[in-house]
Amino acid sequence: DKELLITMEMPGVNKDRVDINLDKNVLKVEGKVDLDRFQKLHLNYSEYDIGHYSRSFTLSNRINQKSISAKIEEGVLALTLPKNPQEQPRQVTVH
């Protein structure tokens, strides 16, 4: 009720290679893989290609954009988008 959680899998991306920008209600997330780590490898099989990640989200005014936070652990990025207090569900008291 109080926040949205976005989880993004970004294998091979470290904390220092993640860029998150917010401009005009658009939240853009980019993760860059250090390709130098893979130069000497010879793949026999791969579930996915090695590469960079990019996603954009248009945020509504229901999100408190000043309080967005992010954390990455073992290639999984977690974005927390708190809702504005006035947008959270509440009980109305009858007098």
C-alpha atoms as a PDB file:
ATOM      1  CA  ASP A   1       0.000   0.000   0.000  1.00  0.00           C
ATOM      2  CA  LYS A   2       2.875   2.397   0.719  1.00  0.00           C
ATOM      3  CA  GLU A   3       5.348   1.664  -2.089  1.00  0.00           C
ATOM      4  CA  LEU A   4       6.079  -0.150  -5.324  1.00  0.00           C
ATOM      5  CA  LEU A   5       9.023  -2.494  -5.676  1.00  0.00           C
ATOM      6  CA  ILE A   6      10.675  -3.093  -9.049  1.00  0.00           C
ATOM      7  CA  THR A   7      13.150  -5.967  -9.253  1.00  0.00           C
ATOM      8  CA  MET A   8      15.472  -6.258 -12.244  1.00  0.00           C
ATOM      9  CA  GLU A   9      17.899  -9.095 -12.910  1.00  0.00           C
ATOM     10  CA  MET A  10      21.160  -7.714 -14.315  1.00  0.00           C
ATOM     11  CA  PRO A  11      23.747 -10.519 -14.322  1.00  0.00           C
ATOM     12  CA  GLY A  12      27.311  -9.233 -14.549  1.00  0.00           C
ATOM     13  CA  VAL A  13      26.464  -5.663 -13.511  1.00  0.00           C
ATOM     14  CA  ASN A  14      28.219  -4.166 -10.486  1.00  0.00           C
ATOM     15  CA  LYS A  15      27.030  -1.262  -8.341  1.00  0.00           C
ATOM     16  CA  ASP A  16      29.419   1.192 -10.008  1.00  0.00           C
ATOM     17  CA  ARG A  17      28.085   0.316 -13.480  1.00  0.00           C
ATOM     18  CA  VAL A  18      24.407   1.128 -12.808  1.00  0.00           C
ATOM     19  CA  ASP A  19      22.980   4.519 -13.812  1.00  0.00           C
ATOM     20  CA  ILE A  20      19.508   5.570 -12.685  1.00  0.00           C
ATOM     21  CA  ASN A  21      18.150   8.908 -13.866  1.00  0.00           C
ATOM     22  CA  LEU A  22      14.818  10.632 -13.358  1.00  0.00           C
ATOM     23  CA  ASP A  23      13.817  13.356 -15.800  1.00  0.00           C
ATOM     24  CA  LYS A  24      10.314  14.676 -16.475  1.00  0.00           C
ATOM     25  CA  ASN A  25       8.578  11.697 -14.806  1.00  0.00           C
ATOM     26  CA  VAL A  26      10.660   9.152 -16.756  1.00  0.00           C
ATOM     27  CA  LEU A  27      12.816   6.833 -14.670  1.00  0.00           C
ATOM     28  CA  LYS A  28      15.614   5.381 -16.808  1.00  0.00           C
ATOM     29  CA  VAL A  29      17.736   2.474 -15.572  1.00  0.00           C
ATOM     30  CA  GLU A  30      20.919   1.407 -17.359  1.00  0.00           C
ATOM     31  CA  GLY A  31      23.314  -1.347 -16.376  1.00  0.00           C
ATOM     32  CA  LYS A  32      26.600  -1.939 -18.128  1.00  0.00           C
ATOM     33  CA  VAL A  33      28.424  -5.243 -18.072  1.00  0.00           C
ATOM     34  CA  ASP A  34      32.217  -5.123 -17.902  1.00  0.00           C
ATOM     35  CA  LEU A  35      32.843  -6.939 -21.186  1.00  0.00           C
ATOM     36  CA  ASP A  36      36.595  -7.185 -20.511  1.00  0.00           C
ATOM     37  CA  ARG A  37      35.850  -9.996 -18.032  1.00  0.00           C
ATOM     38  CA  PHE A  38      34.555 -12.147 -20.895  1.00  0.00           C
ATOM     39  CA  GLN A  39      37.175 -11.481 -23.589  1.00  0.00           C
ATOM     40  CA  LYS A  40      39.197 -14.656 -22.895  1.00  0.00           C
ATOM     41  CA  LEU A  41      36.179 -16.947 -22.541  1.00  0.00           C
ATOM     42  CA  HIS A  42      35.073 -19.289 -25.297  1.00  0.00           C
ATOM     43  CA  LEU A  43      31.396 -20.082 -24.794  1.00  0.00           C
ATOM     44  CA  ASN A  44      30.069 -23.476 -25.792  1.00  0.00           C
ATOM     45  CA  TYR A  45      26.542 -22.670 -24.692  1.00  0.00           C
ATOM     46  CA  SER A  46      24.747 -19.633 -23.277  1.00  0.00           C
ATOM     47  CA  GLU A  47      21.181 -19.038 -22.053  1.00  0.00           C
ATOM     48  CA  TYR A  48      21.421 -15.357 -23.023  1.00  0.00           C
ATOM     49  CA  ASP A  49      23.827 -12.960 -24.691  1.00  0.00           C
ATOM     50  CA  ILE A  50      26.240 -10.904 -22.630  1.00  0.00           C
ATOM     51  CA  GLY A  51      25.312  -7.262 -22.908  1.00  0.00           C
ATOM     52  CA  HIS A  52      24.036  -4.082 -21.372  1.00  0.00           C
ATOM     53  CA  TYR A  53      20.586  -3.436 -19.897  1.00  0.00           C
ATOM     54  CA  SER A  54      18.261  -0.476 -20.329  1.00  0.00           C
ATOM     55  CA  ARG A  55      14.658   0.121 -19.228  1.00  0.00           C
ATOM     56  CA  SER A  56      12.525   3.222 -18.884  1.00  0.00           C
ATOM     57  CA  PHE A  57       9.374   3.753 -16.846  1.00  0.00           C
ATOM     58  CA  THR A  58       6.966   6.679 -16.918  1.00  0.00           C
ATOM     59  CA  LEU A  59       5.967   7.523 -13.353  1.00  0.00           C
ATOM     60  CA  SER A  60       2.643   8.953 -12.286  1.00  0.00           C
ATOM     61  CA  ASN A  61       2.214  11.702  -9.717  1.00  0.00           C
ATOM     62  CA  ARG A  62       1.287   9.001  -7.208  1.00  0.00           C
ATOM     63  CA  ILE A  63       5.019   8.258  -6.731  1.00  0.00           C
ATOM     64  CA  ASN A  64       7.132  10.343  -4.342  1.00  0.00           C
ATOM     65  CA  GLN A  65       9.984  10.879  -6.804  1.00  0.00           C
ATOM     66  CA  LYS A  66      12.280  12.476  -4.203  1.00  0.00           C
ATOM     67  CA  SER A  67      12.280   9.309  -2.085  1.00  0.00           C
ATOM     68  CA  ILE A  68      13.100   6.666  -4.708  1.00  0.00           C
ATOM     69  CA  SER A  69      15.889   4.344  -3.580  1.00  0.00           C
ATOM     70  CA  ALA A  70      17.893   1.556  -5.209  1.00  0.00           C
ATOM     71  CA  LYS A  71      20.023  -1.373  -4.088  1.00  0.00           C
ATOM     72  CA  ILE A  72      21.893  -4.005  -6.100  1.00  0.00           C
ATOM     73  CA  GLU A  73      23.060  -7.356  -4.770  1.00  0.00           C
ATOM     74  CA  GLU A  74      24.514 -10.216  -6.784  1.00  0.00           C
ATOM     75  CA  GLY A  75      23.206  -8.837 -10.082  1.00  0.00           C
ATOM     76  CA  VAL A  76      19.671  -8.110  -8.850  1.00  0.00           C
ATOM     77  CA  LEU A  77      18.602  -4.462  -8.704  1.00  0.00           C
ATOM     78  CA  ALA A  78      15.751  -3.522  -6.359  1.00  0.00           C
ATOM     79  CA  LEU A  79      14.089  -0.134  -6.840  1.00  0.00           C
ATOM     80  CA  THR A  80      11.748   1.136  -4.140  1.00  0.00           C
ATOM     81  CA  LEU A  81       9.213   3.732  -5.279  1.00  0.00           C
ATOM     82  CA  PRO A  82       7.311   5.163  -2.285  1.00  0.00           C
ATOM     83  CA  LYS A  83       3.794   6.426  -2.886  1.00  0.00           C
ATOM     84  CA  ASN A  84       2.870   9.970  -1.904  1.00  0.00           C
ATOM     85  CA  PRO A  85       1.172   9.956   1.515  1.00  0.00           C
ATOM     86  CA  GLN A  86      -2.062  11.420   0.153  1.00  0.00           C
ATOM     87  CA  GLU A  87      -2.280   8.530  -2.335  1.00  0.00           C
ATOM     88  CA  GLN A  88      -2.061   5.775   0.268  1.00  0.00           C
ATOM     89  CA  PRO A  89      -5.242   3.984   1.299  1.00  0.00           C
ATOM     90  CA  ARG A  90      -6.741   5.287   4.518  1.00  0.00           C
ATOM     91  CA  GLN A  91      -9.811   4.862   6.634  1.00  0.00           C
ATOM     92  CA  VAL A  92     -12.224   7.807   6.736  1.00  0.00           C
ATOM     93  CA  THR A  93     -13.772   8.425  10.152  1.00  0.00           C
ATOM     94  CA  VAL A  94     -17.506   9.127  10.248  1.00  0.00           C
ATOM     95  CA  HIS A  95     -18.488  11.838  12.779  1.00  0.00           C
END
